[in-house]
PDB file of N, CA and C in Angstrom:
ATOM      1  N   UNK A   1      20.727 186.575  -8.506  1.00  0.00           N
ATOM      2  CA  UNK A   1      19.336 186.383  -8.850  1.00  0.00           C
ATOM      3  C   UNK A   1      18.580 187.654  -8.511  1.00  0.00           C
ATOM      4  N   UNK A   2      17.512 187.917  -9.275  1.00  0.00           N
ATOM      5  CA  UNK A   2      16.670 189.080  -9.013  1.00  0.00           C
ATOM      6  C   UNK A   2      15.246 188.631  -8.727  1.00  0.00           C
ATOM      7  N   UNK A   3      14.610 189.330  -7.806  1.00  0.00           N
ATOM      8  CA  UNK A   3      13.209 189.110  -7.487  1.00  0.00           C
ATOM      9  C   UNK A   3      12.491 190.420  -7.749  1.00  0.00           C
ATOM     10  N   UNK A   4      11.511 190.390  -8.649  1.00  0.00           N
ATOM     11  CA  UNK A   4      10.809 191.601  -9.075  1.00  0.00           C
ATOM     12  C   UNK A   4      11.795 192.683  -9.484  1.00  0.00           C
ATOM     13  N   UNK A   5      12.815 192.265 -10.201  1.00  0.00           N
ATOM     14  CA  UNK A   5      13.869 193.133 -10.727  1.00  0.00           C
ATOM     15  C   UNK A   5      14.741 193.763  -9.635  1.00  0.00           C
ATOM     16  N   UNK A   6      14.682 193.228  -8.431  1.00  0.00           N
ATOM     17  CA  UNK A   6      15.549 193.675  -7.342  1.00  0.00           C
ATOM     18  C   UNK A   6      16.559 192.570  -7.058  1.00  0.00           C
ATOM     19  N   UNK A   7      17.828 192.930  -6.861  1.00  0.00           N
ATOM     20  CA  UNK A   7      18.837 191.884  -6.620  1.00  0.00           C
ATOM     21  C   UNK A   7      18.634 191.198  -5.270  1.00  0.00           C
ATOM     22  N   UNK A   8      18.845 189.892  -5.273  1.00  0.00           N
ATOM     23  CA  UNK A   8      18.809 189.106  -4.037  1.00  0.00           C
ATOM     24  C   UNK A   8      20.247 188.967  -3.555  1.00  0.00           C
ATOM     25  N   UNK A   9      20.580 189.676  -2.481  1.00  0.00           N
ATOM     26  CA  UNK A   9      21.929 189.652  -1.930  1.00  0.00           C
ATOM     27  C   UNK A   9      21.912 188.945  -0.582  1.00  0.00           C
ATOM     28  N   UNK A  10      22.589 187.818  -0.533  1.00  0.00           N
ATOM     29  CA  UNK A  10      22.682 187.053   0.706  1.00  0.00           C
ATOM     30  C   UNK A  10      24.129 187.119   1.183  1.00  0.00           C
ATOM     31  N   UNK A  11      24.330 187.590   2.387  1.00  0.00           N
ATOM     32  CA  UNK A  11      25.680 187.683   2.945  1.00  0.00           C
ATOM     33  C   UNK A  11      26.021 186.334   3.573  1.00  0.00           C
ATOM     34  N   UNK A  12      26.438 185.403   2.704  1.00  0.00           N
ATOM     35  CA  UNK A  12      26.716 184.037   3.144  1.00  0.00           C
ATOM     36  C   UNK A  12      27.784 183.990   4.233  1.00  0.00           C
ATOM     37  N   UNK A  13      28.772 184.880   4.178  1.00  0.00           N
ATOM     38  CA  UNK A  13      29.848 184.863   5.170  1.00  0.00           C
ATOM     39  C   UNK A  13      29.355 185.256   6.567  1.00  0.00           C
ATOM     40  N   UNK A  14      28.201 185.893   6.663  1.00  0.00           N
ATOM     41  CA  UNK A  14      27.636 186.276   7.958  1.00  0.00           C
ATOM     42  C   UNK A  14      26.521 185.331   8.408  1.00  0.00           C
ATOM     43  N   UNK A  15      26.202 184.334   7.594  1.00  0.00           N
ATOM     44  CA  UNK A  15      25.122 183.397   7.876  1.00  0.00           C
ATOM     45  C   UNK A  15      25.636 182.313   8.816  1.00  0.00           C
ATOM     46  N   UNK A  16      25.342 182.472  10.096  1.00  0.00           N
ATOM     47  CA  UNK A  16      25.878 181.607  11.142  1.00  0.00           C
ATOM     48  C   UNK A  16      24.995 180.374  11.359  1.00  0.00           C
ATOM     49  N   UNK A  17      25.608 179.253  11.778  1.00  0.00           N
ATOM     50  CA  UNK A  17      24.824 178.059  12.110  1.00  0.00           C
ATOM     51  C   UNK A  17      23.770 178.373  13.177  1.00  0.00           C
ATOM     52  N   UNK A  18      22.583 177.808  12.993  1.00  0.00           N
ATOM     53  CA  UNK A  18      21.495 178.028  13.940  1.00  0.00           C
ATOM     54  C   UNK A  18      20.627 179.232  13.621  1.00  0.00           C
ATOM     55  N   UNK A  19      20.970 179.993  12.586  1.00  0.00           N
ATOM     56  CA  UNK A  19      20.179 181.154  12.206  1.00  0.00           C
ATOM     57  C   UNK A  19      19.425 180.856  10.915  1.00  0.00           C
ATOM     58  N   UNK A  20      18.493 181.753  10.563  1.00  0.00           N
ATOM     59  CA  UNK A  20      17.729 181.574   9.339  1.00  0.00           C
ATOM     60  C   UNK A  20      17.467 182.937   8.699  1.00  0.00           C
ATOM     61  N   UNK A  21      17.026 182.891   7.443  1.00  0.00           N
ATOM     62  CA  UNK A  21      16.575 184.107   6.772  1.00  0.00           C
ATOM     63  C   UNK A  21      15.352 183.783   5.933  1.00  0.00           C
ATOM     64  N   UNK A  22      14.539 184.815   5.678  1.00  0.00           N
ATOM     65  CA  UNK A  22      13.307 184.681   4.913  1.00  0.00           C
ATOM     66  C   UNK A  22      13.409 185.560   3.683  1.00  0.00           C
ATOM     67  N   UNK A  23      13.064 184.989   2.524  1.00  0.00           N
ATOM     68  CA  UNK A  23      13.035 185.746   1.272  1.00  0.00           C
ATOM     69  C   UNK A  23      11.585 185.763   0.789  1.00  0.00           C
ATOM     70  N   UNK A  24      10.932 186.938   0.813  1.00  0.00           N
ATOM     71  CA  UNK A  24       9.576 187.008   0.288  1.00  0.00           C
ATOM     72  C   UNK A  24       9.609 186.922  -1.232  1.00  0.00           C
ATOM     73  N   UNK A  25       8.764 186.045  -1.808  1.00  0.00           N
ATOM     74  CA  UNK A  25       8.771 185.869  -3.264  1.00  0.00           C
ATOM     75  C   UNK A  25       7.570 185.046  -3.689  1.00  0.00           C
ATOM     76  N   UNK A  26       7.223 185.130  -4.962  1.00  0.00           N
ATOM     77  CA  UNK A  26       6.173 184.296  -5.528  1.00  0.00           C
ATOM     78  C   UNK A  26       6.755 183.063  -6.203  1.00  0.00           C
ATOM     79  N   UNK A  27       7.932 183.202  -6.830  1.00  0.00           N
ATOM     80  CA  UNK A  27       8.599 182.071  -7.484  1.00  0.00           C
ATOM     81  C   UNK A  27       9.399 181.316  -6.426  1.00  0.00           C
ATOM     82  N   UNK A  28       8.694 180.687  -5.511  1.00  0.00           N
ATOM     83  CA  UNK A  28       9.358 180.039  -4.373  1.00  0.00           C
ATOM     84  C   UNK A  28      10.273 178.910  -4.807  1.00  0.00           C
ATOM     85  N   UNK A  29       9.850 178.123  -5.788  1.00  0.00           N
ATOM     86  CA  UNK A  29      10.674 177.007  -6.230  1.00  0.00           C
ATOM     87  C   UNK A  29      11.978 177.511  -6.860  1.00  0.00           C
ATOM     88  N   UNK A  30      11.907 178.535  -7.684  1.00  0.00           N
ATOM     89  CA  UNK A  30      13.106 179.089  -8.313  1.00  0.00           C
ATOM     90  C   UNK A  30      14.075 179.677  -7.304  1.00  0.00           C
ATOM     91  N   UNK A  31      13.540 180.422  -6.334  1.00  0.00           N
ATOM     92  CA  UNK A  31      14.384 181.030  -5.300  1.00  0.00           C
ATOM     93  C   UNK A  31      14.990 179.944  -4.415  1.00  0.00           C
ATOM     94  N   UNK A  32      14.186 178.945  -4.051  1.00  0.00           N
ATOM     95  CA  UNK A  32      14.690 177.855  -3.225  1.00  0.00           C
ATOM     96  C   UNK A  32      15.817 177.110  -3.940  1.00  0.00           C
ATOM     97  N   UNK A  33      15.646 176.824  -5.216  1.00  0.00           N
ATOM     98  CA  UNK A  33      16.697 176.152  -5.982  1.00  0.00           C
ATOM     99  C   UNK A  33      17.973 176.987  -6.036  1.00  0.00           C
ATOM    100  N   UNK A  34      17.823 178.287  -6.256  1.00  0.00           N
ATOM    101  CA  UNK A  34      18.987 179.186  -6.282  1.00  0.00           C
ATOM    102  C   UNK A  34      19.732 179.147  -4.946  1.00  0.00           C
ATOM    103  N   UNK A  35      18.994 179.255  -3.841  1.00  0.00           N
ATOM    104  CA  UNK A  35      19.607 179.248  -2.510  1.00  0.00           C
ATOM    105  C   UNK A  35      20.329 177.928  -2.254  1.00  0.00           C
ATOM    106  N   UNK A  36      19.679 176.810  -2.579  1.00  0.00           N
ATOM    107  CA  UNK A  36      20.292 175.506  -2.344  1.00  0.00           C
ATOM    108  C   UNK A  36      21.539 175.299  -3.195  1.00  0.00           C
ATOM    109  N   UNK A  37      21.525 175.761  -4.432  1.00  0.00           N
ATOM    110  CA  UNK A  37      22.707 175.642  -5.300  1.00  0.00           C
ATOM    111  C   UNK A  37      23.869 176.470  -4.765  1.00  0.00           C
ATOM    112  N   UNK A  38      23.567 177.695  -4.340  1.00  0.00           N
ATOM    113  CA  UNK A  38      24.628 178.561  -3.802  1.00  0.00           C
ATOM    114  C   UNK A  38      25.208 177.983  -2.514  1.00  0.00           C
ATOM    115  N   UNK A  39      24.351 177.490  -1.636  1.00  0.00           N
ATOM    116  CA  UNK A  39      24.828 176.901  -0.383  1.00  0.00           C
ATOM    117  C   UNK A  39      25.714 175.694  -0.670  1.00  0.00           C
ATOM    118  N   UNK A  40      25.305 174.862  -1.609  1.00  0.00           N
ATOM    119  CA  UNK A  40      26.101 173.689  -1.975  1.00  0.00           C
ATOM    120  C   UNK A  40      27.450 174.111  -2.550  1.00  0.00           C
ATOM    121  N   UNK A  41      27.434 175.122  -3.417  1.00  0.00           N
ATOM    122  CA  UNK A  41      28.680 175.617  -4.023  1.00  0.00           C
ATOM    123  C   UNK A  41      29.652 176.112  -2.946  1.00  0.00           C
ATOM    124  N   UNK A  42      29.101 176.714  -1.890  1.00  0.00           N
ATOM    125  CA  UNK A  42      29.925 177.246  -0.804  1.00  0.00           C
ATOM    126  C   UNK A  42      30.235 176.215   0.277  1.00  0.00           C
ATOM    127  N   UNK A  43      29.680 175.022   0.149  1.00  0.00           N
ATOM    128  CA  UNK A  43      29.939 173.963   1.126  1.00  0.00           C
ATOM    129  C   UNK A  43      29.187 174.145   2.431  1.00  0.00           C
ATOM    130  N   UNK A  44      28.038 174.823   2.385  1.00  0.00           N
ATOM    131  CA  UNK A  44      27.252 175.065   3.591  1.00  0.00           C
ATOM    132  C   UNK A  44      26.102 174.073   3.677  1.00  0.00           C
ATOM    133  N   UNK A  45      25.806 173.626   4.876  1.00  0.00           N
ATOM    134  CA  UNK A  45      24.686 172.728   5.108  1.00  0.00           C
ATOM    135  C   UNK A  45      23.473 173.561   5.509  1.00  0.00           C
ATOM    136  N   UNK A  46      22.413 173.524   4.679  1.00  0.00           N
ATOM    137  CA  UNK A  46      21.214 174.313   4.945  1.00  0.00           C
ATOM    138  C   UNK A  46      19.967 173.464   4.726  1.00  0.00           C
ATOM    139  N   UNK A  47      18.872 173.929   5.312  1.00  0.00           N
ATOM    140  CA  UNK A  47      17.538 173.394   5.056  1.00  0.00           C
ATOM    141  C   UNK A  47      16.709 174.566   4.568  1.00  0.00           C
ATOM    142  N   UNK A  48      15.989 174.368   3.470  1.00  0.00           N
ATOM    143  CA  UNK A  48      15.192 175.437   2.896  1.00  0.00           C
ATOM    144  C   UNK A  48      13.772 174.943   2.665  1.00  0.00           C
ATOM    145  N   UNK A  49      12.789 175.743   3.058  1.00  0.00           N
ATOM    146  CA  UNK A  49      11.381 175.363   2.922  1.00  0.00           C
ATOM    147  C   UNK A  49      10.584 176.515   2.306  1.00  0.00           C
ATOM    148  N   UNK A  50       9.620 176.135   1.460  1.00  0.00           N
ATOM    149  CA  UNK A  50       8.674 177.101   0.922  1.00  0.00           C
ATOM    150  C   UNK A  50       7.604 177.315   1.979  1.00  0.00           C
ATOM    151  N   UNK A  51       7.377 178.568   2.380  1.00  0.00           N
ATOM    152  CA  UNK A  51       6.494 178.854   3.508  1.00  0.00           C
ATOM    153  C   UNK A  51       5.594 180.053   3.220  1.00  0.00           C
ATOM    154  N   UNK A  52       4.621 180.230   4.107  1.00  0.00           N
ATOM    155  CA  UNK A  52       3.809 181.442   4.159  1.00  0.00           C
ATOM    156  C   UNK A  52       3.973 181.984   5.574  1.00  0.00           C
ATOM    157  N   UNK A  53       4.518 183.181   5.682  1.00  0.00           N
ATOM    158  CA  UNK A  53       4.734 183.810   6.991  1.00  0.00           C
ATOM    159  C   UNK A  53       4.012 185.146   7.018  1.00  0.00           C
ATOM    160  N   UNK A  54       3.131 185.316   7.981  1.00  0.00           N
ATOM    161  CA  UNK A  54       2.340 186.547   8.094  1.00  0.00           C
ATOM    162  C   UNK A  54       1.637 186.872   6.776  1.00  0.00           C
ATOM    163  N   UNK A  55       1.076 185.842   6.136  1.00  0.00           N
ATOM    164  CA  UNK A  55       0.332 185.947   4.877  1.00  0.00           C
ATOM    165  C   UNK A  55       1.206 186.332   3.684  1.00  0.00           C
ATOM    166  N   UNK A  56       2.521 186.114   3.800  1.00  0.00           N
ATOM    167  CA  UNK A  56       3.458 186.444   2.721  1.00  0.00           C
ATOM    168  C   UNK A  56       4.137 185.159   2.265  1.00  0.00           C
ATOM    169  N   UNK A  57       4.057 184.892   0.954  1.00  0.00           N
ATOM    170  CA  UNK A  57       4.730 183.726   0.385  1.00  0.00           C
ATOM    171  C   UNK A  57       6.232 183.972   0.330  1.00  0.00           C
ATOM    172  N   UNK A  58       7.005 182.910   0.568  1.00  0.00           N
ATOM    173  CA  UNK A  58       8.440 183.060   0.485  1.00  0.00           C
ATOM    174  C   UNK A  58       9.176 181.773   0.786  1.00  0.00           C
ATOM    175  N   UNK A  59      10.473 181.910   1.004  1.00  0.00           N
ATOM    176  CA  UNK A  59      11.355 180.788   1.298  1.00  0.00           C
ATOM    177  C   UNK A  59      12.116 181.100   2.583  1.00  0.00           C
ATOM    178  N   UNK A  60      12.063 180.187   3.541  1.00  0.00           N
ATOM    179  CA  UNK A  60      12.828 180.304   4.796  1.00  0.00           C
ATOM    180  C   UNK A  60      13.964 179.306   4.713  1.00  0.00           C
ATOM    181  N   UNK A  61      15.177 179.762   5.015  1.00  0.00           N
ATOM    182  CA  UNK A  61      16.379 178.909   4.962  1.00  0.00           C
ATOM    183  C   UNK A  61      17.099 178.967   6.292  1.00  0.00           C
ATOM    184  N   UNK A  62      17.420 177.788   6.821  1.00  0.00           N
ATOM    185  CA  UNK A  62      18.153 177.657   8.086  1.00  0.00           C
ATOM    186  C   UNK A  62      19.527 177.092   7.801  1.00  0.00           C
ATOM    187  N   UNK A  63      20.522 177.576   8.500  1.00  0.00           N
ATOM    188  CA  UNK A  63      21.868 177.003   8.386  1.00  0.00           C
ATOM    189  C   UNK A  63      22.070 175.986   9.489  1.00  0.00           C
ATOM    190  N   UNK A  64      22.510 174.788   9.094  1.00  0.00           N
ATOM    191  CA  UNK A  64      22.799 173.708  10.041  1.00  0.00           C
ATOM    192  C   UNK A  64      24.214 173.865  10.586  1.00  0.00           C
ATOM    193  N   UNK A  65      24.454 173.182  11.682  1.00  0.00           N
ATOM    194  CA  UNK A  65      25.821 173.115  12.209  1.00  0.00           C
ATOM    195  C   UNK A  65      26.670 172.356  11.204  1.00  0.00           C
ATOM    196  N   UNK A  66      27.857 172.840  10.927  1.00  0.00           N
ATOM    197  CA  UNK A  66      28.762 172.175   9.969  1.00  0.00           C
ATOM    198  C   UNK A  66      29.611 171.142  10.641  1.00  0.00           C
TER     199      UNK A  66
END
């Protein structure tokens, strides 16, 4: 997936349980859906929320314990 024509690269193999990442974006629903689909495809349990952090719109995703 690309955001503002920049590739969104998530290193899923380094995404450890109990950690999170933030993706700044305006199309929060599209990015959230992409993240949830990829996590499901990889068999990872995650929670993803559309948020505003430091006045920046985006998506925060947490990895649950498997």
